[in-house]
Amino acid sequence: MSFKQLRKFSKDELLFDEKETRVILKFIFKPADHKLIDSLPINDRLKGFAQGLLVEAIDASYSVGYVKAIFESTANPTKGAMAIIKTFARKAASHWFKHTSVHDLQKVKIFDFIRDRLALAFKSELQLYLVKNENNRAGAFVVYQIPKHGSTKLWV
């Protein structure tokens, strides 16, 4: 287990508008959190949080590799999320990632178990956006383990 801090972005580096920020947060977090996400006031700090989660999801998915069985998902829990993610990947700066190359960003993929781990690890941070207004960098302890049972979904 290691402590992960989400990348912090300057105002100029933020790539999502209010609607896209909500879509990305709903992509990462479970439907039970969608009402909370809809109630959050979208500001630059929350946009940075969503963008940081997405960078971590992409980077962690590439660090895991594709040796294990990968299944593409036919379900889309948040309509339009993958279109936004692919647009983001084209605009993202390659230095934001540790394990993802420019070539990888052209065909961005995110494992479902990575999304689940990020949602679990950062759920309390999401809830704190209702009550705190600091410019702290979000961080959480996250362990990415490929599930031993069942299929491994990959968002393409």
N, C-alpha and C. Protein backbone atom coordinates (compact mmCIF):
# COMPACT_ATOMS: atom_id res chain seq x y z
N MET A 1 0.85 -1.17 0.00
CA MET A 1 0.00 0.00 0.00
C MET A 1 0.90 1.23 0.00
N SER A 2 0.53 2.18 -0.82
CA SER A 2 1.30 3.42 -0.85
C SER A 2 0.34 4.61 -0.85
N PHE A 3 0.85 5.71 -0.32
CA PHE A 3 0.05 6.92 -0.26
C PHE A 3 0.16 7.62 -1.61
N LYS A 4 -0.97 7.88 -2.23
CA LYS A 4 -1.01 8.54 -3.53
C LYS A 4 -1.54 9.95 -3.36
N GLN A 5 -0.82 10.91 -3.88
CA GLN A 5 -1.31 12.27 -3.93
C GLN A 5 -1.66 12.57 -5.37
N LEU A 6 -2.83 13.14 -5.55
CA LEU A 6 -3.23 13.51 -6.89
C LEU A 6 -2.41 14.70 -7.36
N ARG A 7 -2.14 14.71 -8.62
CA ARG A 7 -1.41 15.83 -9.22
C ARG A 7 -2.22 17.10 -9.03
N LYS A 8 -1.54 18.18 -8.76
CA LYS A 8 -2.18 19.48 -8.62
C LYS A 8 -1.95 20.26 -9.92
N PHE A 9 -2.97 20.94 -10.37
CA PHE A 9 -2.91 21.66 -11.65
C PHE A 9 -3.07 23.15 -11.43
N SER A 10 -2.36 23.91 -12.25
CA SER A 10 -2.57 25.36 -12.23
C SER A 10 -3.89 25.64 -12.95
N LYS A 11 -4.42 26.83 -12.78
CA LYS A 11 -5.67 27.22 -13.43
C LYS A 11 -5.56 27.04 -14.95
N ASP A 12 -4.41 27.36 -15.52
CA ASP A 12 -4.20 27.24 -16.97
C ASP A 12 -4.17 25.79 -17.45
N GLU A 13 -3.86 24.87 -16.55
CA GLU A 13 -3.77 23.45 -16.93
C GLU A 13 -5.13 22.73 -16.84
N LEU A 14 -6.11 23.35 -16.23
CA LEU A 14 -7.42 22.71 -16.08
C LEU A 14 -8.10 22.62 -17.44
N LEU A 15 -8.55 21.41 -17.79
CA LEU A 15 -9.09 21.18 -19.13
C LEU A 15 -10.60 20.96 -19.16
N PHE A 16 -11.25 20.79 -18.00
CA PHE A 16 -12.67 20.46 -17.97
C PHE A 16 -13.52 21.65 -17.59
N ASP A 17 -14.71 21.72 -18.21
CA ASP A 17 -15.70 22.69 -17.78
C ASP A 17 -16.56 22.05 -16.68
N GLU A 18 -17.58 22.75 -16.23
CA GLU A 18 -18.42 22.26 -15.13
C GLU A 18 -19.09 20.93 -15.48
N LYS A 19 -19.68 20.86 -16.65
CA LYS A 19 -20.38 19.63 -17.07
C LYS A 19 -19.42 18.45 -17.17
N GLU A 20 -18.28 18.66 -17.80
CA GLU A 20 -17.29 17.59 -17.96
C GLU A 20 -16.74 17.14 -16.61
N THR A 21 -16.56 18.08 -15.70
CA THR A 21 -16.08 17.73 -14.35
C THR A 21 -17.06 16.78 -13.68
N ARG A 22 -18.34 17.07 -13.77
CA ARG A 22 -19.35 16.18 -13.18
C ARG A 22 -19.34 14.80 -13.85
N VAL A 23 -19.19 14.77 -15.17
CA VAL A 23 -19.16 13.48 -15.89
C VAL A 23 -17.96 12.65 -15.43
N ILE A 24 -16.80 13.27 -15.31
CA ILE A 24 -15.60 12.54 -14.87
C ILE A 24 -15.78 12.04 -13.44
N LEU A 25 -16.30 12.88 -12.56
CA LEU A 25 -16.52 12.42 -11.18
C LEU A 25 -17.52 11.27 -11.13
N LYS A 26 -18.55 11.33 -11.96
CA LYS A 26 -19.53 10.24 -12.00
C LYS A 26 -18.95 8.99 -12.63
N PHE A 27 -17.97 9.15 -13.50
CA PHE A 27 -17.28 8.00 -14.10
C PHE A 27 -16.45 7.29 -13.03
N ILE A 28 -15.78 8.06 -12.20
CA ILE A 28 -14.91 7.48 -11.16
C ILE A 28 -15.74 6.94 -9.99
N PHE A 29 -16.68 7.71 -9.50
CA PHE A 29 -17.43 7.33 -8.30
C PHE A 29 -18.70 6.57 -8.65
N LYS A 30 -19.18 5.83 -7.68
CA LYS A 30 -20.35 4.96 -7.83
C LYS A 30 -21.64 5.78 -7.95
N PRO A 31 -22.70 5.18 -8.52
CA PRO A 31 -24.00 5.87 -8.63
C PRO A 31 -24.53 6.39 -7.29
N ALA A 32 -24.19 5.75 -6.20
CA ALA A 32 -24.63 6.22 -4.88
C ALA A 32 -24.08 7.61 -4.57
N ASP A 33 -22.99 7.99 -5.21
CA ASP A 33 -22.37 9.30 -4.98
C ASP A 33 -22.80 10.36 -5.99
N HIS A 34 -23.58 9.99 -6.98
CA HIS A 34 -23.93 10.92 -8.05
C HIS A 34 -24.78 12.08 -7.57
N LYS A 35 -25.65 11.85 -6.60
CA LYS A 35 -26.46 12.95 -6.07
C LYS A 35 -25.56 13.99 -5.38
N LEU A 36 -24.59 13.50 -4.62
CA LEU A 36 -23.62 14.41 -4.00
C LEU A 36 -22.86 15.19 -5.06
N ILE A 37 -22.41 14.51 -6.10
CA ILE A 37 -21.67 15.16 -7.18
C ILE A 37 -22.52 16.25 -7.83
N ASP A 38 -23.79 15.96 -8.04
CA ASP A 38 -24.69 16.96 -8.64
C ASP A 38 -24.87 18.18 -7.74
N SER A 39 -24.73 17.99 -6.42
CA SER A 39 -24.95 19.09 -5.48
C SER A 39 -23.71 19.95 -5.25
N LEU A 40 -22.56 19.47 -5.66
CA LEU A 40 -21.31 20.19 -5.40
C LEU A 40 -21.18 21.43 -6.28
N PRO A 41 -20.76 22.55 -5.68
CA PRO A 41 -20.45 23.72 -6.51
C PRO A 41 -19.13 23.46 -7.23
N ILE A 42 -19.14 23.61 -8.53
CA ILE A 42 -17.93 23.33 -9.31
C ILE A 42 -17.05 24.57 -9.33
N ASN A 43 -15.84 24.40 -8.79
CA ASN A 43 -14.85 25.47 -8.81
C ASN A 43 -13.54 24.88 -9.34
N ASP A 44 -12.51 25.69 -9.44
CA ASP A 44 -11.24 25.22 -10.00
C ASP A 44 -10.64 24.09 -9.16
N ARG A 45 -10.83 24.15 -7.87
CA ARG A 45 -10.30 23.11 -6.99
C ARG A 45 -10.95 21.76 -7.28
N LEU A 46 -12.26 21.75 -7.47
CA LEU A 46 -12.97 20.50 -7.78
C LEU A 46 -12.63 20.02 -9.20
N LYS A 47 -12.45 20.96 -10.12
CA LYS A 47 -12.03 20.58 -11.47
C LYS A 47 -10.66 19.91 -11.42
N GLY A 48 -9.76 20.46 -10.60
CA GLY A 48 -8.43 19.87 -10.44
C GLY A 48 -8.49 18.50 -9.80
N PHE A 49 -9.40 18.32 -8.85
CA PHE A 49 -9.60 17.02 -8.20
C PHE A 49 -10.03 15.99 -9.24
N ALA A 50 -11.03 16.33 -10.06
CA ALA A 50 -11.52 15.41 -11.09
C ALA A 50 -10.41 15.10 -12.09
N GLN A 51 -9.68 16.12 -12.51
CA GLN A 51 -8.60 15.92 -13.47
C GLN A 51 -7.49 15.08 -12.86
N GLY A 52 -7.18 15.31 -11.59
CA GLY A 52 -6.17 14.50 -10.91
C GLY A 52 -6.57 13.05 -10.80
N LEU A 53 -7.85 12.80 -10.50
CA LEU A 53 -8.35 11.42 -10.45
C LEU A 53 -8.22 10.75 -11.81
N LEU A 54 -8.55 11.48 -12.86
CA LEU A 54 -8.46 10.91 -14.20
C LEU A 54 -7.02 10.61 -14.59
N VAL A 55 -6.11 11.53 -14.30
CA VAL A 55 -4.69 11.28 -14.58
C VAL A 55 -4.22 10.04 -13.83
N GLU A 56 -4.59 9.92 -12.56
CA GLU A 56 -4.19 8.76 -11.76
C GLU A 56 -4.80 7.48 -12.32
N ALA A 57 -6.06 7.52 -12.73
CA ALA A 57 -6.72 6.33 -13.28
C ALA A 57 -6.03 5.86 -14.56
N ILE A 58 -5.69 6.79 -15.43
CA ILE A 58 -5.01 6.44 -16.67
C ILE A 58 -3.60 5.92 -16.38
N ASP A 59 -2.87 6.64 -15.55
CA ASP A 59 -1.49 6.27 -15.25
C ASP A 59 -1.42 4.92 -14.53
N ALA A 60 -2.29 4.71 -13.56
CA ALA A 60 -2.29 3.44 -12.83
C ALA A 60 -2.67 2.28 -13.74
N SER A 61 -3.60 2.50 -14.66
CA SER A 61 -3.99 1.44 -15.59
C SER A 61 -2.81 1.04 -16.47
N TYR A 62 -2.02 2.01 -16.90
CA TYR A 62 -0.85 1.67 -17.72
C TYR A 62 0.27 1.06 -16.89
N SER A 63 0.37 1.42 -15.62
CA SER A 63 1.42 0.82 -14.78
C SER A 63 1.12 -0.64 -14.50
N VAL A 64 -0.15 -1.02 -14.46
CA VAL A 64 -0.54 -2.41 -14.23
C VAL A 64 -0.16 -3.27 -15.43
N GLY A 65 -0.29 -2.73 -16.62
CA GLY A 65 0.04 -3.46 -17.83
C GLY A 65 -1.14 -4.24 -18.37
N TYR A 66 -0.91 -4.89 -19.47
CA TYR A 66 -2.00 -5.61 -20.14
C TYR A 66 -1.70 -7.09 -20.31
N VAL A 67 -0.89 -7.65 -19.43
CA VAL A 67 -0.56 -9.07 -19.51
C VAL A 67 -1.76 -9.92 -19.10
N LYS A 68 -2.52 -9.42 -18.12
CA LYS A 68 -3.69 -10.16 -17.63
C LYS A 68 -4.83 -10.09 -18.64
N ALA A 69 -5.82 -10.94 -18.45
CA ALA A 69 -6.99 -10.94 -19.34
C ALA A 69 -7.70 -9.59 -19.25
N ILE A 70 -7.99 -9.02 -20.39
CA ILE A 70 -8.64 -7.72 -20.45
C ILE A 70 -9.93 -7.88 -21.26
N PHE A 71 -10.98 -7.34 -20.71
CA PHE A 71 -12.26 -7.37 -21.40
C PHE A 71 -12.75 -5.95 -21.57
N GLU A 72 -13.13 -5.58 -22.77
CA GLU A 72 -13.68 -4.26 -22.99
C GLU A 72 -15.12 -4.25 -22.52
N SER A 73 -15.51 -3.19 -21.91
CA SER A 73 -16.87 -3.08 -21.38
C SER A 73 -17.84 -2.66 -22.48
N THR A 74 -19.04 -3.22 -22.43
CA THR A 74 -20.08 -2.82 -23.36
C THR A 74 -21.05 -1.87 -22.69
N ALA A 75 -20.95 -1.74 -21.35
CA ALA A 75 -21.83 -0.84 -20.61
C ALA A 75 -21.12 0.49 -20.40
N ASN A 76 -21.86 1.56 -20.40
CA ASN A 76 -21.29 2.88 -20.15
C ASN A 76 -22.08 3.54 -19.04
N PRO A 77 -21.55 3.56 -17.79
CA PRO A 77 -22.31 4.06 -16.66
C PRO A 77 -22.59 5.56 -16.72
N THR A 78 -21.74 6.28 -17.42
CA THR A 78 -21.97 7.71 -17.54
C THR A 78 -21.82 8.07 -19.01
N LYS A 79 -22.94 8.33 -19.63
CA LYS A 79 -22.96 8.62 -21.06
C LYS A 79 -21.99 9.75 -21.38
N GLY A 80 -21.12 9.49 -22.33
CA GLY A 80 -20.21 10.52 -22.78
C GLY A 80 -18.87 10.55 -22.06
N ALA A 81 -18.69 9.75 -21.01
CA ALA A 81 -17.44 9.80 -20.25
C ALA A 81 -16.24 9.45 -21.12
N MET A 82 -16.34 8.41 -21.92
CA MET A 82 -15.17 8.01 -22.71
C MET A 82 -14.83 9.04 -23.78
N ALA A 83 -15.82 9.70 -24.34
CA ALA A 83 -15.53 10.77 -25.31
C ALA A 83 -14.75 11.90 -24.64
N ILE A 84 -15.16 12.26 -23.44
CA ILE A 84 -14.46 13.32 -22.69
C ILE A 84 -13.06 12.85 -22.33
N ILE A 85 -12.92 11.61 -21.91
CA ILE A 85 -11.61 11.07 -21.53
C ILE A 85 -10.67 11.05 -22.72
N LYS A 86 -11.16 10.66 -23.89
CA LYS A 86 -10.30 10.62 -25.07
C LYS A 86 -9.89 12.03 -25.51
N THR A 87 -10.80 12.99 -25.40
CA THR A 87 -10.45 14.38 -25.70
C THR A 87 -9.41 14.88 -24.70
N PHE A 88 -9.60 14.55 -23.42
CA PHE A 88 -8.64 14.92 -22.39
C PHE A 88 -7.26 14.34 -22.71
N ALA A 89 -7.22 13.08 -23.11
CA ALA A 89 -5.94 12.42 -23.39
C ALA A 89 -5.19 13.13 -24.52
N ARG A 90 -5.92 13.64 -25.50
CA ARG A 90 -5.27 14.37 -26.60
C ARG A 90 -4.69 15.70 -26.13
N LYS A 91 -5.32 16.32 -25.12
CA LYS A 91 -4.89 17.63 -24.64
C LYS A 91 -3.93 17.55 -23.46
N ALA A 92 -3.88 16.41 -22.79
CA ALA A 92 -3.08 16.26 -21.58
C ALA A 92 -1.60 16.39 -21.87
N ALA A 93 -0.90 16.96 -20.92
CA ALA A 93 0.56 17.08 -21.03
C ALA A 93 1.18 15.75 -20.61
N SER A 94 2.09 15.24 -21.41
CA SER A 94 2.68 13.93 -21.12
C SER A 94 3.44 13.91 -19.79
N HIS A 95 3.96 15.06 -19.34
CA HIS A 95 4.71 15.07 -18.07
C HIS A 95 3.80 14.91 -16.85
N TRP A 96 2.48 14.90 -17.04
CA TRP A 96 1.56 14.66 -15.93
C TRP A 96 1.57 13.20 -15.51
N PHE A 97 2.09 12.33 -16.36
CA PHE A 97 2.00 10.88 -16.14
C PHE A 97 3.36 10.27 -15.85
N LYS A 98 3.37 9.24 -15.01
CA LYS A 98 4.61 8.53 -14.70
C LYS A 98 4.76 7.29 -15.57
N HIS A 99 3.65 6.62 -15.91
CA HIS A 99 3.69 5.32 -16.57
C HIS A 99 3.07 5.33 -17.96
N THR A 100 2.63 6.48 -18.42
CA THR A 100 1.90 6.56 -19.67
C THR A 100 2.68 7.40 -20.67
N SER A 101 2.86 6.86 -21.87
CA SER A 101 3.58 7.59 -22.90
C SER A 101 2.60 8.38 -23.77
N VAL A 102 3.15 9.25 -24.61
CA VAL A 102 2.32 10.01 -25.54
C VAL A 102 1.56 9.04 -26.44
N HIS A 103 2.20 7.98 -26.86
CA HIS A 103 1.56 6.96 -27.70
C HIS A 103 0.38 6.31 -26.96
N ASP A 104 0.57 6.01 -25.67
CA ASP A 104 -0.51 5.42 -24.87
C ASP A 104 -1.72 6.34 -24.80
N LEU A 105 -1.49 7.64 -24.71
CA LEU A 105 -2.58 8.61 -24.59
C LEU A 105 -3.44 8.66 -25.84
N GLN A 106 -2.91 8.19 -26.97
CA GLN A 106 -3.70 8.17 -28.19
C GLN A 106 -4.76 7.08 -28.16
N LYS A 107 -4.58 6.10 -27.28
CA LYS A 107 -5.54 5.00 -27.15
C LYS A 107 -5.77 4.72 -25.66
N VAL A 108 -6.18 5.76 -24.95
CA VAL A 108 -6.31 5.71 -23.50
C VAL A 108 -7.27 4.60 -23.05
N LYS A 109 -6.89 3.93 -21.97
CA LYS A 109 -7.68 2.83 -21.41
C LYS A 109 -7.62 2.92 -19.89
N ILE A 110 -8.72 2.54 -19.24
CA ILE A 110 -8.77 2.59 -17.78
C ILE A 110 -9.41 1.30 -17.28
N PHE A 111 -8.71 0.61 -16.39
CA PHE A 111 -9.25 -0.60 -15.78
C PHE A 111 -10.37 -0.25 -14.80
N ASP A 112 -11.40 -1.07 -14.78
CA ASP A 112 -12.53 -0.87 -13.88
C ASP A 112 -12.10 -0.99 -12.42
N PHE A 113 -11.22 -1.94 -12.11
CA PHE A 113 -10.79 -2.10 -10.71
C PHE A 113 -9.98 -0.90 -10.23
N ILE A 114 -9.32 -0.19 -11.15
CA ILE A 114 -8.61 1.04 -10.79
C ILE A 114 -9.64 2.11 -10.41
N ARG A 115 -10.70 2.24 -11.21
CA ARG A 115 -11.77 3.20 -10.89
C ARG A 115 -12.35 2.88 -9.51
N ASP A 116 -12.61 1.59 -9.26
CA ASP A 116 -13.19 1.18 -7.98
C ASP A 116 -12.28 1.55 -6.81
N ARG A 117 -10.98 1.32 -6.95
CA ARG A 117 -10.02 1.64 -5.89
C ARG A 117 -9.93 3.14 -5.65
N LEU A 118 -9.91 3.90 -6.73
CA LEU A 118 -9.85 5.36 -6.59
C LEU A 118 -11.12 5.89 -5.92
N ALA A 119 -12.27 5.35 -6.32
CA ALA A 119 -13.54 5.78 -5.73
C ALA A 119 -13.55 5.49 -4.23
N LEU A 120 -13.08 4.32 -3.85
CA LEU A 120 -13.03 3.95 -2.44
C LEU A 120 -12.03 4.83 -1.68
N ALA A 121 -10.86 5.01 -2.24
CA ALA A 121 -9.80 5.74 -1.55
C ALA A 121 -10.10 7.25 -1.43
N PHE A 122 -10.79 7.81 -2.41
CA PHE A 122 -11.00 9.25 -2.43
C PHE A 122 -12.44 9.67 -2.13
N LYS A 123 -13.28 8.73 -1.69
CA LYS A 123 -14.67 9.08 -1.40
C LYS A 123 -14.76 10.12 -0.28
N SER A 124 -13.96 9.97 0.74
CA SER A 124 -14.00 10.95 1.83
C SER A 124 -13.56 12.33 1.34
N GLU A 125 -12.60 12.39 0.43
CA GLU A 125 -12.17 13.66 -0.16
C GLU A 125 -13.33 14.30 -0.92
N LEU A 126 -14.06 13.50 -1.67
CA LEU A 126 -15.20 14.00 -2.41
C LEU A 126 -16.22 14.62 -1.46
N GLN A 127 -16.50 13.92 -0.36
CA GLN A 127 -17.47 14.41 0.61
C GLN A 127 -17.00 15.69 1.29
N LEU A 128 -15.70 15.83 1.46
CA LEU A 128 -15.16 17.02 2.11
C LEU A 128 -15.29 18.28 1.24
N TYR A 129 -15.49 18.09 -0.05
CA TYR A 129 -15.67 19.26 -0.91
C TYR A 129 -16.91 20.05 -0.55
N LEU A 130 -17.83 19.44 0.16
CA LEU A 130 -19.00 20.17 0.64
C LEU A 130 -18.66 21.10 1.79
N VAL A 131 -17.64 20.77 2.57
CA VAL A 131 -17.37 21.52 3.79
C VAL A 131 -16.05 22.27 3.83
N LYS A 132 -15.09 21.89 3.02
CA LYS A 132 -13.80 22.58 3.10
C LYS A 132 -13.50 23.33 1.83
N ASN A 133 -12.72 24.35 1.97
CA ASN A 133 -12.40 25.20 0.84
C ASN A 133 -10.91 25.54 0.85
N GLU A 134 -10.09 24.55 1.16
CA GLU A 134 -8.64 24.76 1.19
C GLU A 134 -8.06 24.37 -0.15
N ASN A 135 -6.83 24.74 -0.38
CA ASN A 135 -6.16 24.37 -1.62
C ASN A 135 -5.18 23.23 -1.40
N ASN A 136 -5.52 22.31 -0.50
CA ASN A 136 -4.67 21.15 -0.26
C ASN A 136 -4.74 20.20 -1.45
N ARG A 137 -3.67 19.45 -1.63
CA ARG A 137 -3.62 18.44 -2.68
C ARG A 137 -4.23 17.17 -2.13
N ALA A 138 -5.19 16.59 -2.85
CA ALA A 138 -5.85 15.38 -2.39
C ALA A 138 -4.88 14.20 -2.38
N GLY A 139 -5.02 13.34 -1.37
CA GLY A 139 -4.18 12.16 -1.26
C GLY A 139 -4.91 11.06 -0.53
N ALA A 140 -4.53 9.81 -0.81
CA ALA A 140 -5.16 8.66 -0.16
C ALA A 140 -4.23 7.45 -0.30
N PHE A 141 -4.41 6.48 0.58
CA PHE A 141 -3.70 5.22 0.46
C PHE A 141 -4.45 4.34 -0.53
N VAL A 142 -3.75 3.90 -1.59
CA VAL A 142 -4.38 3.13 -2.65
C VAL A 142 -3.53 1.91 -2.96
N VAL A 143 -4.19 0.75 -3.10
CA VAL A 143 -3.52 -0.47 -3.52
C VAL A 143 -4.22 -0.96 -4.78
N TYR A 144 -3.47 -1.10 -5.86
CA TYR A 144 -4.04 -1.60 -7.11
C TYR A 144 -3.67 -3.07 -7.23
N GLN A 145 -4.64 -3.93 -6.98
CA GLN A 145 -4.42 -5.36 -7.15
C GLN A 145 -5.38 -5.87 -8.20
N ILE A 146 -4.85 -6.58 -9.17
CA ILE A 146 -5.70 -7.17 -10.19
C ILE A 146 -6.58 -8.21 -9.53
N PRO A 147 -7.89 -8.13 -9.74
CA PRO A 147 -8.80 -9.10 -9.11
C PRO A 147 -8.45 -10.53 -9.51
N LYS A 148 -8.51 -11.42 -8.54
CA LYS A 148 -8.18 -12.83 -8.79
C LYS A 148 -9.37 -13.59 -9.38
N HIS A 149 -10.58 -13.08 -9.15
CA HIS A 149 -11.78 -13.75 -9.63
C HIS A 149 -12.57 -12.82 -10.52
N GLY A 150 -13.27 -13.38 -11.48
CA GLY A 150 -14.11 -12.57 -12.35
C GLY A 150 -13.31 -11.92 -13.45
N SER A 151 -13.98 -11.14 -14.23
CA SER A 151 -13.33 -10.48 -15.35
C SER A 151 -12.80 -9.11 -14.93
N THR A 152 -11.88 -8.63 -15.70
CA THR A 152 -11.29 -7.31 -15.47
C THR A 152 -11.75 -6.41 -16.60
N LYS A 153 -12.64 -5.47 -16.28
CA LYS A 153 -13.15 -4.55 -17.29
C LYS A 153 -12.11 -3.48 -17.59
N LEU A 154 -12.08 -3.08 -18.83
CA LEU A 154 -11.19 -2.03 -19.26
C LEU A 154 -12.02 -1.02 -20.02
N TRP A 155 -11.95 0.25 -19.63
CA TRP A 155 -12.69 1.32 -20.30
C TRP A 155 -11.84 1.84 -21.43
N VAL A 156 -12.33 1.68 -22.65
CA VAL A 156 -11.59 2.06 -23.85
C VAL A 156 -12.33 3.15 -24.58
